[in-house]
Amino acid sequence: MAARDEHPADLPRCPSGGSGLLPDELRAWMLLLAATGAVEQRLRSVVKETLDVSHDEFLILCLLAEQPGEGLRMTRIAELLGRPKTRLTYQIACLQRPGLITRRSVCGDKRGVEVVLTDKARQLLREASALLASAVKEALAEFIGPAQRDAVAGLLPGLAQGPC
């Protein structure tokens, strides 16, 4: 339990002032990656327990959920997630087996394949969304501390003020 008592947001601060080999922007980016990686790791277990899919499959479902009544081409999903198309083909097959997505040919493009969320998946996401959102909020509160906020502010000056 002692590990839970430590606040992961209190991880070593990213040194500033150019004292190391990396520029401040890259050090800030690495600090943010570490924090978001910790949040993602926490979410992995909740996604697996709640939806019985992998985190990468969950990301595909989320992308499709933002396309009401439409689908996405597999090539576009691969681009958005930064995943190889071969890996995506496997993940799509894993989602198709339990009836969470369907594949269809793209009209006018015999090589194009579009992926669409099923009603079953939409219902599953609706039922799990509050729990998943809560897990994200809790993980963000745990892993995003002053150092990470400072890193974002340093990378995106004027963020707090909003768009001009």
Protein backbone atom coordinates (compact mmCIF):
# COMPACT_ATOMS: atom_id res chain seq x y z
CA MET A 1 0.00 0.00 0.00
CA ALA A 2 2.97 2.30 0.47
CA ALA A 3 3.41 2.57 -3.28
CA ARG A 4 -0.18 3.85 -3.58
CA ASP A 5 0.55 6.47 -0.90
CA GLU A 6 3.29 7.97 -3.04
CA HIS A 7 1.92 10.49 -5.48
CA PRO A 8 3.18 9.57 -8.98
CA ALA A 9 2.74 13.18 -10.06
CA ASP A 10 5.64 13.87 -7.70
CA LEU A 11 7.97 12.09 -10.11
CA PRO A 12 11.27 13.87 -10.61
CA ARG A 13 10.71 17.23 -12.20
CA CYS A 14 11.95 17.85 -15.65
CA PRO A 15 15.09 19.94 -15.28
CA SER A 16 14.95 23.27 -17.05
CA GLY A 17 17.41 25.84 -18.16
CA GLY A 18 19.26 23.70 -20.68
CA SER A 19 21.39 21.90 -18.09
CA GLY A 20 21.17 18.59 -19.96
CA LEU A 21 21.60 17.34 -23.48
CA LEU A 22 17.92 17.72 -24.40
CA PRO A 23 16.21 21.04 -25.06
CA ASP A 24 13.46 22.10 -22.63
CA GLU A 25 10.70 21.26 -25.15
CA LEU A 26 11.89 17.69 -25.55
CA ARG A 27 12.29 17.20 -21.79
CA ALA A 28 8.75 18.57 -21.28
CA TRP A 29 7.42 16.23 -23.97
CA MET A 30 9.10 13.24 -22.29
CA LEU A 31 7.56 14.22 -18.96
CA LEU A 32 4.12 14.36 -20.56
CA LEU A 33 4.65 11.01 -22.28
CA ALA A 34 5.52 9.40 -18.97
CA ALA A 35 2.38 10.79 -17.34
CA THR A 36 0.06 9.85 -20.20
CA GLY A 37 1.68 6.40 -20.35
CA ALA A 38 0.83 5.90 -16.68
CA VAL A 39 -2.78 6.99 -17.30
CA GLU A 40 -2.99 4.68 -20.31
CA GLN A 41 -1.65 1.77 -18.28
CA ARG A 42 -4.31 2.32 -15.61
CA LEU A 43 -7.01 2.49 -18.26
CA ARG A 44 -5.83 -0.75 -19.88
CA SER A 45 -6.96 -2.85 -16.94
CA VAL A 46 -10.30 -1.06 -16.60
CA VAL A 47 -10.99 -1.47 -20.33
CA LYS A 48 -10.13 -5.17 -20.20
CA GLU A 49 -12.32 -5.78 -17.14
CA THR A 50 -15.23 -3.67 -18.41
CA LEU A 51 -15.32 -4.29 -22.16
CA ASP A 52 -13.17 -7.43 -22.49
CA VAL A 53 -11.12 -5.87 -25.28
CA SER A 54 -7.50 -4.77 -25.45
CA HIS A 55 -6.58 -1.10 -25.08
CA ASP A 56 -5.74 -0.85 -28.79
CA GLU A 57 -9.10 -2.38 -29.68
CA PHE A 58 -10.74 0.11 -27.32
CA LEU A 59 -9.05 2.97 -29.17
CA ILE A 60 -10.53 1.68 -32.42
CA LEU A 61 -13.99 1.52 -30.83
CA CYS A 62 -13.56 5.11 -29.59
CA LEU A 63 -12.58 6.36 -33.04
CA LEU A 64 -15.62 4.66 -34.55
CA ALA A 65 -17.90 5.93 -31.79
CA GLU A 66 -17.06 9.47 -32.91
CA GLN A 67 -18.37 8.65 -36.40
CA PRO A 68 -22.14 8.46 -35.83
CA GLY A 69 -23.79 6.49 -38.59
CA GLU A 70 -20.56 6.31 -40.53
CA GLY A 71 -17.44 4.26 -40.54
CA LEU A 72 -13.76 4.82 -41.12
CA ARG A 73 -11.46 3.32 -43.67
CA MET A 74 -8.96 0.94 -42.18
CA THR A 75 -6.12 2.99 -43.63
CA ARG A 76 -7.43 6.09 -41.82
CA ILE A 77 -7.71 4.21 -38.51
CA ALA A 78 -4.11 3.02 -38.92
CA GLU A 79 -3.00 6.62 -39.59
CA LEU A 80 -4.90 8.06 -36.63
CA LEU A 81 -3.56 5.46 -34.22
CA GLY A 82 -0.08 5.31 -35.70
CA ARG A 83 -0.34 1.53 -36.04
CA PRO A 84 0.83 -0.73 -38.86
CA LYS A 85 -1.98 -1.90 -41.12
CA THR A 86 -1.11 -5.55 -40.49
CA ARG A 87 -1.59 -5.12 -36.73
CA LEU A 88 -4.83 -3.27 -37.34
CA THR A 89 -6.18 -6.13 -39.46
CA TYR A 90 -5.71 -8.48 -36.50
CA GLN A 91 -7.39 -6.05 -34.08
CA ILE A 92 -10.32 -5.52 -36.44
CA ALA A 93 -10.78 -9.31 -36.66
CA CYS A 94 -10.76 -9.48 -32.84
CA LEU A 95 -13.52 -6.86 -32.71
CA GLN A 96 -15.52 -8.46 -35.50
CA ARG A 97 -15.71 -11.90 -33.83
CA PRO A 98 -17.89 -10.74 -30.89
CA GLY A 99 -19.97 -8.55 -33.20
CA LEU A 100 -18.61 -5.15 -32.13
CA ILE A 101 -17.74 -3.94 -35.62
CA THR A 102 -18.53 -4.82 -39.20
CA ARG A 103 -16.42 -4.42 -42.31
CA ARG A 104 -17.72 -3.35 -45.67
CA SER A 105 -16.24 -2.50 -49.03
CA VAL A 106 -15.92 1.13 -49.93
CA CYS A 107 -18.15 2.00 -52.86
CA GLY A 108 -16.06 2.63 -55.97
CA ASP A 109 -12.83 1.29 -54.43
CA LYS A 110 -12.57 -2.49 -54.52
CA ARG A 111 -9.46 -2.43 -52.29
CA GLY A 112 -10.92 -0.03 -49.70
CA VAL A 113 -12.41 -1.42 -46.51
CA GLU A 114 -14.50 0.61 -44.10
CA VAL A 115 -15.12 -0.38 -40.49
CA VAL A 116 -18.40 0.46 -38.75
CA LEU A 117 -19.41 0.20 -35.11
CA THR A 118 -22.37 -2.12 -34.47
CA ASP A 119 -25.37 -1.29 -32.30
CA LYS A 120 -24.08 -3.88 -29.82
CA ALA A 121 -20.80 -1.97 -29.46
CA ARG A 122 -22.61 1.37 -29.16
CA GLN A 123 -24.71 -0.02 -26.32
CA LEU A 124 -21.66 -1.51 -24.61
CA LEU A 125 -19.82 1.82 -24.82
CA ARG A 126 -22.89 3.69 -23.51
CA GLU A 127 -23.12 1.36 -20.51
CA ALA A 128 -19.37 1.53 -19.75
CA SER A 129 -18.71 5.20 -20.52
CA ALA A 130 -19.28 6.56 -17.01
CA LEU A 131 -16.96 3.99 -15.44
CA LEU A 132 -14.29 4.54 -18.09
CA ALA A 133 -14.51 8.33 -17.81
CA SER A 134 -14.18 8.04 -14.05
CA ALA A 135 -11.08 5.85 -14.42
CA VAL A 136 -9.50 8.43 -16.72
CA LYS A 137 -10.29 11.31 -14.34
CA GLU A 138 -8.89 9.43 -11.35
CA ALA A 139 -5.72 8.47 -13.22
CA LEU A 140 -5.23 12.01 -14.49
CA ALA A 141 -5.63 13.37 -10.96
CA GLU A 142 -3.06 10.87 -9.74
CA PHE A 143 -0.46 11.21 -12.48
CA ILE A 144 -0.76 14.79 -13.71
CA GLY A 145 0.81 17.11 -11.18
CA PRO A 146 2.48 20.51 -11.19
CA ALA A 147 5.45 19.30 -13.24
CA GLN A 148 3.21 17.98 -16.00
CA ARG A 149 1.05 21.13 -15.98
CA ASP A 150 4.20 23.25 -16.18
CA ALA A 151 5.40 21.10 -19.08
CA VAL A 152 2.17 21.67 -21.01
CA ALA A 153 2.28 25.38 -20.26
CA GLY A 154 5.89 25.49 -21.49
CA LEU A 155 5.07 23.64 -24.68
CA LEU A 156 1.88 25.58 -25.36
CA PRO A 157 2.30 29.15 -24.14
CA GLY A 158 -1.03 30.93 -23.89
CA LEU A 159 -2.95 27.68 -23.38
CA ALA A 160 -4.53 28.93 -20.16
CA GLN A 161 -5.77 32.07 -21.90
CA GLY A 162 -7.49 30.09 -24.64
CA PRO A 163 -7.62 30.91 -28.35
CA CYS A 164 -7.13 34.50 -29.37
